[in-house]
N, C-alpha and C. Protein backbone atom coordinates (compact mmCIF):
# COMPACT_ATOMS: atom_id res chain seq x y z
N MET A 1 -17.25 68.44 134.41
CA MET A 1 -16.15 69.26 134.86
C MET A 1 -16.00 69.17 136.38
N LYS A 2 -17.16 69.23 137.09
CA LYS A 2 -17.11 69.13 138.54
C LYS A 2 -16.60 67.76 138.98
N LYS A 3 -17.02 66.74 138.25
CA LYS A 3 -16.60 65.38 138.62
C LYS A 3 -15.11 65.19 138.44
N SER A 4 -14.53 65.78 137.37
CA SER A 4 -13.09 65.61 137.15
C SER A 4 -12.28 66.35 138.21
N ILE A 5 -12.69 67.54 138.59
CA ILE A 5 -11.98 68.28 139.64
C ILE A 5 -12.14 67.54 140.97
N TYR A 6 -13.34 67.06 141.24
CA TYR A 6 -13.59 66.34 142.48
C TYR A 6 -12.79 65.04 142.52
N SER A 7 -12.66 64.37 141.39
CA SER A 7 -11.89 63.12 141.37
C SER A 7 -10.39 63.38 141.55
N ILE A 8 -9.91 64.51 141.04
CA ILE A 8 -8.50 64.86 141.24
C ILE A 8 -8.24 65.18 142.70
N LEU A 9 -9.16 65.94 143.29
CA LEU A 9 -9.01 66.28 144.71
C LEU A 9 -9.11 65.05 145.60
N ARG A 10 -9.92 64.11 145.24
CA ARG A 10 -10.06 62.89 146.03
C ARG A 10 -8.90 61.93 145.80
N GLY A 11 -8.13 62.11 144.73
CA GLY A 11 -6.99 61.26 144.46
C GLY A 11 -7.32 60.00 143.73
N LYS A 12 -8.40 60.01 142.96
CA LYS A 12 -8.80 58.80 142.23
C LYS A 12 -7.76 58.41 141.18
N PHE A 13 -7.00 59.40 140.67
CA PHE A 13 -6.00 59.07 139.65
C PHE A 13 -4.83 58.28 140.24
N LEU A 14 -4.73 58.26 141.57
CA LEU A 14 -3.64 57.51 142.21
C LEU A 14 -4.04 56.08 142.54
N ILE A 15 -5.34 55.81 142.59
CA ILE A 15 -5.77 54.46 142.98
C ILE A 15 -6.51 53.72 141.88
N SER A 16 -6.59 54.32 140.72
CA SER A 16 -7.28 53.64 139.61
C SER A 16 -6.42 52.51 139.07
N ASP A 17 -6.93 51.80 138.10
CA ASP A 17 -6.24 50.63 137.55
C ASP A 17 -4.97 51.00 136.79
N ASP A 18 -4.96 52.10 136.08
CA ASP A 18 -3.77 52.52 135.33
C ASP A 18 -2.96 53.59 136.09
N SER A 19 -2.98 53.52 137.39
CA SER A 19 -2.30 54.54 138.20
C SER A 19 -0.78 54.35 138.25
N PHE A 20 -0.29 53.21 137.77
CA PHE A 20 1.16 52.98 137.81
C PHE A 20 1.91 54.04 137.01
N LYS A 21 1.37 54.47 135.87
CA LYS A 21 1.99 55.54 135.07
C LYS A 21 2.05 56.83 135.87
N ASN A 22 0.97 57.14 136.55
CA ASN A 22 0.92 58.38 137.34
C ASN A 22 1.93 58.35 138.48
N TRP A 23 2.02 57.21 139.14
CA TRP A 23 2.97 57.10 140.25
C TRP A 23 4.41 57.27 139.77
N ARG A 24 4.73 56.68 138.64
CA ARG A 24 6.09 56.83 138.10
C ARG A 24 6.42 58.29 137.82
N ILE A 25 5.50 59.00 137.23
CA ILE A 25 5.73 60.42 136.92
C ILE A 25 5.85 61.24 138.21
N ILE A 26 4.98 60.96 139.17
CA ILE A 26 5.02 61.70 140.44
C ILE A 26 6.34 61.45 141.16
N ILE A 27 6.79 60.22 141.19
CA ILE A 27 8.07 59.91 141.86
C ILE A 27 9.23 60.55 141.11
N PHE A 28 9.20 60.52 139.78
CA PHE A 28 10.26 61.13 139.00
C PHE A 28 10.32 62.65 139.22
N VAL A 29 9.18 63.31 139.20
CA VAL A 29 9.13 64.76 139.43
C VAL A 29 9.59 65.09 140.85
N SER A 30 9.19 64.28 141.82
CA SER A 30 9.64 64.50 143.21
C SER A 30 11.15 64.35 143.33
N PHE A 31 11.71 63.35 142.67
CA PHE A 31 13.15 63.13 142.69
C PHE A 31 13.89 64.33 142.07
N LEU A 32 13.39 64.81 140.94
CA LEU A 32 14.00 65.99 140.31
C LEU A 32 13.90 67.23 141.20
N ALA A 33 12.79 67.39 141.90
CA ALA A 33 12.63 68.53 142.81
C ALA A 33 13.63 68.44 143.97
N ILE A 34 13.85 67.25 144.49
CA ILE A 34 14.83 67.07 145.58
C ILE A 34 16.24 67.39 145.09
N ILE A 35 16.57 66.94 143.90
CA ILE A 35 17.90 67.24 143.34
C ILE A 35 18.07 68.74 143.12
N MET A 36 17.02 69.40 142.62
CA MET A 36 17.10 70.83 142.38
C MET A 36 17.28 71.60 143.69
N ILE A 37 16.56 71.22 144.72
CA ILE A 37 16.67 71.89 146.02
C ILE A 37 18.07 71.68 146.60
N ALA A 38 18.59 70.46 146.51
CA ALA A 38 19.93 70.19 147.05
C ALA A 38 21.00 70.98 146.30
N SER A 39 20.89 71.07 144.99
CA SER A 39 21.91 71.80 144.24
C SER A 39 21.83 73.30 144.52
N SER A 40 20.64 73.84 144.73
CA SER A 40 20.54 75.26 145.06
C SER A 40 21.12 75.54 146.45
N HIS A 41 20.94 74.61 147.40
CA HIS A 41 21.56 74.77 148.72
C HIS A 41 23.08 74.74 148.63
N LYS A 42 23.60 73.85 147.82
CA LYS A 42 25.06 73.80 147.63
C LYS A 42 25.58 75.08 147.01
N ALA A 43 24.86 75.61 146.03
CA ALA A 43 25.28 76.87 145.40
C ALA A 43 25.26 78.02 146.40
N ASP A 44 24.24 78.06 147.25
CA ASP A 44 24.17 79.11 148.28
C ASP A 44 25.33 78.99 149.26
N GLU A 45 25.66 77.77 149.65
CA GLU A 45 26.80 77.56 150.56
C GLU A 45 28.09 78.07 149.93
N LYS A 46 28.28 77.80 148.66
CA LYS A 46 29.49 78.24 147.98
C LYS A 46 29.54 79.77 147.89
N VAL A 47 28.40 80.41 147.65
CA VAL A 47 28.36 81.87 147.59
C VAL A 47 28.74 82.46 148.95
N HIS A 48 28.21 81.89 150.02
CA HIS A 48 28.54 82.38 151.36
C HIS A 48 30.01 82.15 151.69
N GLU A 49 30.55 81.02 151.28
CA GLU A 49 31.97 80.73 151.52
C GLU A 49 32.86 81.72 150.75
N ILE A 50 32.49 82.02 149.52
CA ILE A 50 33.27 82.98 148.72
C ILE A 50 33.23 84.36 149.36
N ALA A 51 32.07 84.77 149.85
CA ALA A 51 31.95 86.07 150.51
C ALA A 51 32.80 86.12 151.77
N ARG A 52 32.78 85.03 152.55
CA ARG A 52 33.58 84.98 153.78
C ARG A 52 35.07 85.05 153.46
N LEU A 53 35.50 84.31 152.46
CA LEU A 53 36.91 84.32 152.10
C LEU A 53 37.34 85.67 151.53
N THR A 54 36.46 86.33 150.80
CA THR A 54 36.78 87.66 150.27
C THR A 54 36.99 88.65 151.41
N ASN A 55 36.12 88.60 152.41
CA ASN A 55 36.28 89.48 153.57
C ASN A 55 37.58 89.17 154.32
N GLU A 56 37.90 87.89 154.45
CA GLU A 56 39.13 87.51 155.14
C GLU A 56 40.36 88.01 154.38
N VAL A 57 40.33 87.93 153.06
CA VAL A 57 41.44 88.43 152.24
C VAL A 57 41.61 89.93 152.42
N LYS A 58 40.49 90.66 152.46
CA LYS A 58 40.56 92.11 152.66
C LYS A 58 41.16 92.45 154.01
N GLU A 59 40.77 91.71 155.05
CA GLU A 59 41.31 91.96 156.39
C GLU A 59 42.81 91.65 156.43
N LEU A 60 43.21 90.54 155.84
CA LEU A 60 44.63 90.18 155.85
C LEU A 60 45.45 91.17 155.04
N ARG A 61 44.91 91.66 153.92
CA ARG A 61 45.63 92.63 153.11
C ARG A 61 45.81 93.94 153.89
N SER A 62 44.78 94.38 154.60
CA SER A 62 44.90 95.62 155.38
C SER A 62 45.88 95.43 156.53
N ALA A 63 45.89 94.25 157.15
CA ALA A 63 46.86 93.98 158.22
C ALA A 63 48.28 93.99 157.65
N PHE A 64 48.46 93.44 156.45
CA PHE A 64 49.78 93.43 155.82
C PHE A 64 50.26 94.85 155.53
N VAL A 65 49.36 95.67 154.98
CA VAL A 65 49.73 97.05 154.66
C VAL A 65 50.06 97.82 155.93
N ASP A 66 49.28 97.60 156.98
CA ASP A 66 49.53 98.27 158.26
C ASP A 66 50.89 97.84 158.83
N GLY A 67 51.18 96.55 158.81
CA GLY A 67 52.48 96.07 159.30
C GLY A 67 53.64 96.60 158.49
N ARG A 68 53.46 96.67 157.17
CA ARG A 68 54.53 97.18 156.32
C ARG A 68 54.80 98.66 156.60
N SER A 69 53.74 99.45 156.82
CA SER A 69 53.94 100.88 157.11
C SER A 69 54.61 101.07 158.47
N LYS A 70 54.25 100.24 159.45
CA LYS A 70 54.93 100.31 160.76
C LYS A 70 56.41 99.98 160.62
N LEU A 71 56.72 98.96 159.83
CA LEU A 71 58.11 98.58 159.62
C LEU A 71 58.89 99.70 158.94
N MET A 72 58.28 100.35 157.97
CA MET A 72 58.96 101.45 157.28
C MET A 72 59.26 102.59 158.26
N ARG A 73 58.31 102.88 159.17
CA ARG A 73 58.56 103.93 160.15
C ARG A 73 59.67 103.52 161.13
N LEU A 74 59.70 102.24 161.51
CA LEU A 74 60.73 101.78 162.44
C LEU A 74 62.11 101.75 161.81
N LYS A 75 62.19 101.56 160.50
CA LYS A 75 63.48 101.49 159.82
C LYS A 75 64.07 102.86 159.51
N MET A 76 63.29 103.93 159.70
CA MET A 76 63.80 105.26 159.39
C MET A 76 64.93 105.64 160.35
N GLU A 77 65.91 106.35 159.83
CA GLU A 77 67.10 106.69 160.61
C GLU A 77 66.74 107.54 161.83
N SER A 78 65.80 108.45 161.69
CA SER A 78 65.43 109.31 162.81
C SER A 78 64.81 108.50 163.96
N THR A 79 64.02 107.49 163.63
CA THR A 79 63.43 106.63 164.66
C THR A 79 64.51 105.84 165.38
N ILE A 80 65.45 105.31 164.61
CA ILE A 80 66.53 104.53 165.22
C ILE A 80 67.38 105.42 166.13
N ILE A 81 67.66 106.65 165.69
CA ILE A 81 68.46 107.57 166.51
C ILE A 81 67.74 107.86 167.82
N ASN A 82 66.44 108.10 167.77
CA ASN A 82 65.68 108.38 168.99
C ASN A 82 65.66 107.18 169.93
N LYS A 83 65.48 105.98 169.41
CA LYS A 83 65.45 104.78 170.24
C LYS A 83 66.80 104.53 170.91
N VAL A 84 67.88 104.76 170.17
CA VAL A 84 69.22 104.51 170.71
C VAL A 84 69.60 105.62 171.69
N ALA A 85 69.11 106.83 171.47
CA ALA A 85 69.42 107.94 172.38
C ALA A 85 68.81 107.70 173.76
N GLU A 86 67.72 106.98 173.84
CA GLU A 86 67.12 106.65 175.14
C GLU A 86 68.07 105.80 175.97
N LYS A 87 68.90 105.01 175.33
CA LYS A 87 69.87 104.16 176.03
C LYS A 87 71.23 104.85 176.15
N GLU A 88 71.25 106.15 175.88
CA GLU A 88 72.44 107.00 175.97
C GLU A 88 73.56 106.53 175.05
N ILE A 89 73.18 106.13 173.87
CA ILE A 89 74.14 105.81 172.82
C ILE A 89 73.92 106.83 171.72
N TYR A 90 74.98 107.52 171.36
CA TYR A 90 74.83 108.61 170.39
C TYR A 90 75.64 108.31 169.13
N ILE A 91 75.38 109.08 168.10
CA ILE A 91 76.09 108.92 166.83
C ILE A 91 77.52 109.42 166.99
N SER A 92 78.42 108.70 166.41
CA SER A 92 79.83 109.07 166.46
C SER A 92 80.07 110.32 165.63
N GLU A 93 80.90 111.21 166.18
CA GLU A 93 81.25 112.44 165.45
C GLU A 93 82.37 112.17 164.44
N VAL A 94 83.16 111.16 164.73
CA VAL A 94 84.30 110.82 163.86
C VAL A 94 83.86 109.66 162.97
N PRO A 95 84.02 109.80 161.68
CA PRO A 95 83.62 108.70 160.80
C PRO A 95 84.55 107.49 160.99
N PRO A 96 84.06 106.32 160.75
CA PRO A 96 84.88 105.11 160.93
C PRO A 96 85.99 105.03 159.88
N THR A 97 87.07 104.38 160.27
CA THR A 97 88.19 104.16 159.34
C THR A 97 88.43 102.66 159.22
N LYS A 98 89.00 102.27 158.09
CA LYS A 98 89.29 100.87 157.86
C LYS A 98 90.62 100.52 158.49
N ILE A 99 90.66 99.38 159.11
CA ILE A 99 91.90 98.88 159.69
C ILE A 99 92.41 97.81 158.74
N ARG A 100 93.65 98.02 158.29
CA ARG A 100 94.24 97.04 157.37
C ARG A 100 95.40 96.36 158.07
N ILE A 101 95.41 95.08 157.99
CA ILE A 101 96.49 94.29 158.58
C ILE A 101 97.29 93.70 157.46
N LYS A 102 98.60 93.96 157.50
CA LYS A 102 99.48 93.39 156.48
C LYS A 102 99.99 92.07 156.99
N THR A 103 99.88 91.07 156.16
CA THR A 103 100.37 89.75 156.56
C THR A 103 101.83 89.62 156.20
N GLN A 104 102.57 88.97 157.05
CA GLN A 104 104.00 88.76 156.78
C GLN A 104 104.16 87.45 156.02
N GLU A 105 104.92 87.54 154.95
CA GLU A 105 105.19 86.34 154.17
C GLU A 105 106.44 85.71 154.67
N LYS A 106 106.52 84.44 154.81
CA LYS A 106 107.69 83.75 155.32
C LYS A 106 108.52 83.16 154.25
């Protein structure tokens, strides 16, 4: 038992006569480990990108709602009356009338 553990620690299974089988398995397992690590890094990158885009969408949505509420306040008649009153333009007391022009037929 001691000899087998000692031989594994010394690496005798890598330099023996039938070590080609062992090397193939070691290289294959190493290759699979590299692929697994790379795919997990890609998955983590995608998760971070999704989180960043979600935050950006939330910010843009709140900016849109804020802009829309400002526009609604600016479009109100009372706001327009106050803005125009600053320039000394007031609402007409007389309602507008239609002007009709009759065309002469020749």
